[in-house]
Amino acid sequence: MVKKLLIVAGVIGVAALVAKKIKASNDERALWHEATTSPDLR
């Protein structure tokens, strides 16, 4: 039983790290997009 809980906790931990990496990557991409596109001065 304890072994199953450790496995589940490990899987959840890895999933959280992956989600954090993906969010950081998307945030950085959005920041670069904002920084490198010319402003709309209409």
C-alpha atoms as a PDB file:
ATOM      1  CA  MET A   1       0.000   0.000   0.000  1.00  0.00           C
ATOM      2  CA  VAL A   2       2.773   2.446   0.903  1.00  0.00           C
ATOM      3  CA  LYS A   3       4.613   1.560  -2.294  1.00  0.00           C
ATOM      4  CA  LYS A   4       1.533   2.418  -4.376  1.00  0.00           C
ATOM      5  CA  LEU A   5       1.182   5.761  -2.596  1.00  0.00           C
ATOM      6  CA  LEU A   6       4.832   6.579  -3.289  1.00  0.00           C
ATOM      7  CA  ILE A   7       4.404   5.708  -6.957  1.00  0.00           C
ATOM      8  CA  VAL A   8       1.277   7.867  -7.223  1.00  0.00           C
ATOM      9  CA  ALA A   9       3.024  10.745  -5.427  1.00  0.00           C
ATOM     10  CA  GLY A  10       5.987  10.414  -7.804  1.00  0.00           C
ATOM     11  CA  VAL A  11       3.755  10.466 -10.868  1.00  0.00           C
ATOM     12  CA  ILE A  12       1.907  13.532  -9.564  1.00  0.00           C
ATOM     13  CA  GLY A  13       5.209  15.250  -8.815  1.00  0.00           C
ATOM     14  CA  VAL A  14       6.552  14.596 -12.302  1.00  0.00           C
ATOM     15  CA  ALA A  15       3.291  15.792 -13.865  1.00  0.00           C
ATOM     16  CA  ALA A  16       3.477  19.006 -11.830  1.00  0.00           C
ATOM     17  CA  LEU A  17       7.065  19.637 -12.966  1.00  0.00           C
ATOM     18  CA  VAL A  18       6.145  19.048 -16.608  1.00  0.00           C
ATOM     19  CA  ALA A  19       3.159  21.388 -16.329  1.00  0.00           C
ATOM     20  CA  LYS A  20       5.370  24.050 -14.728  1.00  0.00           C
ATOM     21  CA  LYS A  21       7.944  23.736 -17.548  1.00  0.00           C
ATOM     22  CA  ILE A  22       5.245  24.006 -20.219  1.00  0.00           C
ATOM     23  CA  LYS A  23       3.708  27.070 -18.563  1.00  0.00           C
ATOM     24  CA  ALA A  24       7.118  28.737 -18.247  1.00  0.00           C
ATOM     25  CA  SER A  25       7.845  28.009 -21.899  1.00  0.00           C
ATOM     26  CA  ASN A  26       4.516  29.445 -23.023  1.00  0.00           C
ATOM     27  CA  ASP A  27       4.975  32.530 -20.850  1.00  0.00           C
ATOM     28  CA  GLU A  28       8.457  33.132 -22.241  1.00  0.00           C
ATOM     29  CA  ARG A  29       7.226  32.683 -25.816  1.00  0.00           C
ATOM     30  CA  ALA A  30       4.425  35.200 -25.207  1.00  0.00           C
ATOM     31  CA  LEU A  31       6.887  37.663 -23.690  1.00  0.00           C
ATOM     32  CA  TRP A  32       9.255  37.365 -26.667  1.00  0.00           C
ATOM     33  CA  HIS A  33       6.342  37.761 -29.064  1.00  0.00           C
ATOM     34  CA  GLU A  34       5.275  40.939 -27.289  1.00  0.00           C
ATOM     35  CA  ALA A  35       8.825  42.283 -27.179  1.00  0.00           C
ATOM     36  CA  THR A  36       9.649  41.598 -30.825  1.00  0.00           C
ATOM     37  CA  THR A  37       6.444  42.648 -32.582  1.00  0.00           C
ATOM     38  CA  SER A  38       6.134  46.247 -33.645  1.00  0.00           C
ATOM     39  CA  PRO A  39       3.498  48.231 -31.773  1.00  0.00           C
ATOM     40  CA  ASP A  40       0.255  49.011 -33.517  1.00  0.00           C
ATOM     41  CA  LEU A  41       0.344  52.818 -33.739  1.00  0.00           C
ATOM     42  CA  ARG A  42      -2.866  53.374 -35.641  1.00  0.00           C
END
